[in-house]
Amino acid sequence: MDYLQTFAISAAGMAVERTRVETAALNLAQAHTAQSADQPAFQPLRVVATGAEGFGGLVRAGLESVPLPSVTVEPSGVPARLVHDPGHPLADGRGFVAYPGVDPAREMVTLLGATRAYEANVAAMNTARTLALKTLEIGRST
C-alpha cells in the first residue's frame, strides 16, 4: 500500500476544510458591516470543492488513482439584507441600510462541520502513520 497517497488524501481533505473555516470566518466577520450604495458591497462567499468522486467512487477506483479535490472560493449570490434605520449615515432615500446577506447560524454550522471534518482527516492521517510505523517495526524484527 502506498502510504504517501493516503497521506495526500488526508492533507487534501484538511486543506479543503481549512478553506471552509477561513471562508465562514470571513463571512461572519462581515455580517454586520453596513454597505454604502456607492461602494462595492461585500458578497458572502462559499467554498466549492471539485474533483472528488465521493466515497463510493473512491472505493470503486481504489487508492491508486484517487483524484484529489481542488478548491475554489466564489460569491454565493445571496442578496443584501435590508434593515430599516433612517438615522444611519449609510441609509438610502427610503431609510434602509444594506448589510451582507450572511446567515450567522448557517456559518456557525459550517464552522462546526468543517472543524469536525478537519479533525477526522487528522485522525485518519495519524492512523495511517501509526500503521506505517508498525509495518516498519514488523519488518525490522523479522
Protein backbone atom coordinates (compact mmCIF):
# COMPACT_ATOMS: atom_id res chain seq x y z
CA MET A 1 0.00 0.00 0.00
CA ASP A 2 1.26 3.45 -0.89
CA TYR A 3 1.17 5.45 2.34
CA LEU A 4 2.12 8.66 0.56
CA GLN A 5 -1.19 8.58 -1.34
CA THR A 6 -3.03 8.02 1.93
CA PHE A 7 -1.26 11.00 3.48
CA ALA A 8 -2.02 13.09 0.37
CA ILE A 9 -5.73 12.29 0.64
CA SER A 10 -5.83 13.39 4.29
CA ALA A 11 -3.79 16.50 3.54
CA ALA A 12 -6.13 17.46 0.68
CA GLY A 13 -9.12 16.98 2.97
CA MET A 14 -7.52 19.17 5.62
CA ALA A 15 -6.83 21.88 3.03
CA VAL A 16 -10.48 21.86 1.90
CA GLU A 17 -11.75 22.08 5.47
CA ARG A 18 -9.28 24.84 6.38
CA THR A 19 -10.58 26.85 3.42
CA ARG A 20 -14.17 26.27 4.59
CA VAL A 21 -13.29 27.51 8.10
CA GLU A 22 -11.49 30.60 6.78
CA THR A 23 -14.37 31.45 4.42
CA ALA A 24 -17.03 31.03 7.11
CA ALA A 25 -14.98 33.19 9.50
CA LEU A 26 -14.67 35.90 6.84
CA ASN A 27 -18.41 35.80 6.20
CA LEU A 28 -19.14 36.09 9.93
CA ALA A 29 -16.70 38.98 10.29
CA GLN A 30 -18.51 40.89 7.54
CA ALA A 31 -22.08 40.01 8.62
CA HIS A 32 -22.78 43.30 10.39
CA THR A 33 -20.85 45.63 8.11
CA ALA A 34 -23.12 48.31 6.68
CA GLN A 35 -22.77 48.82 2.96
CA SER A 36 -22.81 52.14 1.19
CA ALA A 37 -24.67 52.41 -2.08
CA ASP A 38 -21.68 53.99 -3.88
CA GLN A 39 -19.12 51.35 -2.80
CA PRO A 40 -18.93 47.71 -3.90
CA ALA A 41 -20.74 45.57 -1.35
CA PHE A 42 -19.30 42.51 0.34
CA GLN A 43 -20.73 39.36 -1.20
CA PRO A 44 -20.88 36.30 1.08
CA LEU A 45 -18.54 33.59 -0.15
CA ARG A 46 -18.87 29.83 -0.45
CA VAL A 47 -16.34 27.04 -0.96
CA VAL A 48 -16.71 24.69 -3.91
CA ALA A 49 -14.61 21.52 -3.96
CA THR A 50 -14.40 19.84 -7.35
CA GLY A 51 -12.74 16.66 -8.49
CA ALA A 52 -13.77 14.50 -5.56
CA GLU A 53 -15.82 11.46 -6.58
CA GLY A 54 -17.31 10.71 -3.20
CA PHE A 55 -16.63 7.69 -1.05
CA GLY A 56 -18.30 5.18 -3.36
CA GLY A 57 -16.28 6.33 -6.35
CA LEU A 58 -13.07 6.14 -4.36
CA VAL A 59 -13.80 2.57 -3.29
CA ARG A 60 -14.56 1.53 -6.88
CA ALA A 61 -11.40 3.21 -8.21
CA GLY A 62 -9.13 2.04 -5.41
CA LEU A 63 -6.45 4.19 -3.86
CA GLU A 64 -4.09 4.02 -6.85
CA SER A 65 -5.71 6.75 -8.93
CA VAL A 66 -7.54 8.99 -6.49
CA PRO A 67 -8.22 12.45 -7.92
CA LEU A 68 -7.61 14.97 -5.16
CA PRO A 69 -10.16 17.77 -4.88
CA SER A 70 -9.44 21.30 -5.99
CA VAL A 71 -10.98 24.15 -4.05
CA THR A 72 -12.39 27.44 -5.30
CA VAL A 73 -13.99 30.23 -3.32
CA GLU A 74 -16.75 32.05 -5.15
CA PRO A 75 -19.50 34.55 -4.33
CA SER A 76 -22.69 32.93 -3.12
CA GLY A 77 -25.04 35.32 -4.91
CA VAL A 78 -27.14 35.96 -1.80
CA PRO A 79 -28.82 39.38 -1.97
CA ALA A 80 -28.12 42.04 0.63
CA ARG A 81 -30.21 42.17 3.79
CA LEU A 82 -32.08 45.47 4.13
CA VAL A 83 -32.67 46.93 7.59
CA HIS A 84 -34.87 49.98 8.16
CA ASP A 85 -32.72 52.51 10.03
CA PRO A 86 -33.40 56.04 8.74
CA GLY A 87 -30.91 57.62 11.18
CA HIS A 88 -27.95 55.60 9.89
CA PRO A 89 -25.44 57.62 7.81
CA LEU A 90 -25.46 54.94 5.06
CA ALA A 91 -29.27 54.78 4.79
CA ASP A 92 -30.75 55.19 1.33
CA GLY A 93 -33.59 57.57 0.43
CA ARG A 94 -36.20 55.19 1.87
CA GLY A 95 -34.27 54.78 5.15
CA PHE A 96 -32.90 51.28 4.51
CA VAL A 97 -29.32 50.21 5.23
CA ALA A 98 -27.87 47.26 3.30
CA TYR A 99 -25.95 44.54 5.11
CA PRO A 100 -24.36 41.45 3.54
CA GLY A 101 -26.75 38.51 3.21
CA VAL A 102 -24.83 36.37 5.68
CA ASP A 103 -26.78 33.85 7.76
CA PRO A 104 -24.82 33.60 11.04
CA ALA A 105 -26.47 30.31 12.03
CA ARG A 106 -25.53 28.69 8.72
CA GLU A 107 -21.96 29.96 9.00
CA MET A 108 -21.64 28.57 12.54
CA VAL A 109 -22.90 25.18 11.34
CA THR A 110 -20.34 25.34 8.52
CA LEU A 111 -17.62 26.15 11.05
CA LEU A 112 -18.56 23.22 13.26
CA GLY A 113 -18.84 20.78 10.36
CA ALA A 114 -15.54 21.88 8.84
CA THR A 115 -13.80 21.62 12.21
CA ARG A 116 -15.10 18.09 12.74
CA ALA A 117 -14.13 17.05 9.21
CA TYR A 118 -10.65 18.51 9.72
CA GLU A 119 -10.30 16.53 12.96
CA ALA A 120 -11.41 13.37 11.13
CA ASN A 121 -8.73 13.91 8.47
CA VAL A 122 -6.11 14.42 11.17
CA ALA A 123 -7.22 11.18 12.85
CA ALA A 124 -7.05 9.32 9.51
CA MET A 125 -3.54 10.65 8.89
CA ASN A 126 -2.41 9.68 12.38
CA THR A 127 -3.86 6.18 11.92
CA ALA A 128 -2.04 5.77 8.60
CA ARG A 129 1.17 6.99 10.25
CA THR A 130 0.77 4.51 13.08
CA LEU A 131 0.12 1.67 10.61
CA ALA A 132 3.21 2.60 8.61
CA LEU A 133 5.37 2.68 11.74
CA LYS A 134 4.01 -0.69 12.93
CA THR A 135 4.74 -2.16 9.50
CA LEU A 136 8.33 -0.96 9.75
CA GLU A 137 8.61 -2.47 13.24
CA ILE A 138 7.34 -5.83 11.98
CA GLY A 139 9.77 -5.73 9.04
CA ARG A 140 12.68 -4.84 11.31
CA SER A 141 12.00 -7.69 13.77
CA THR A 142 12.00 -10.45 11.13
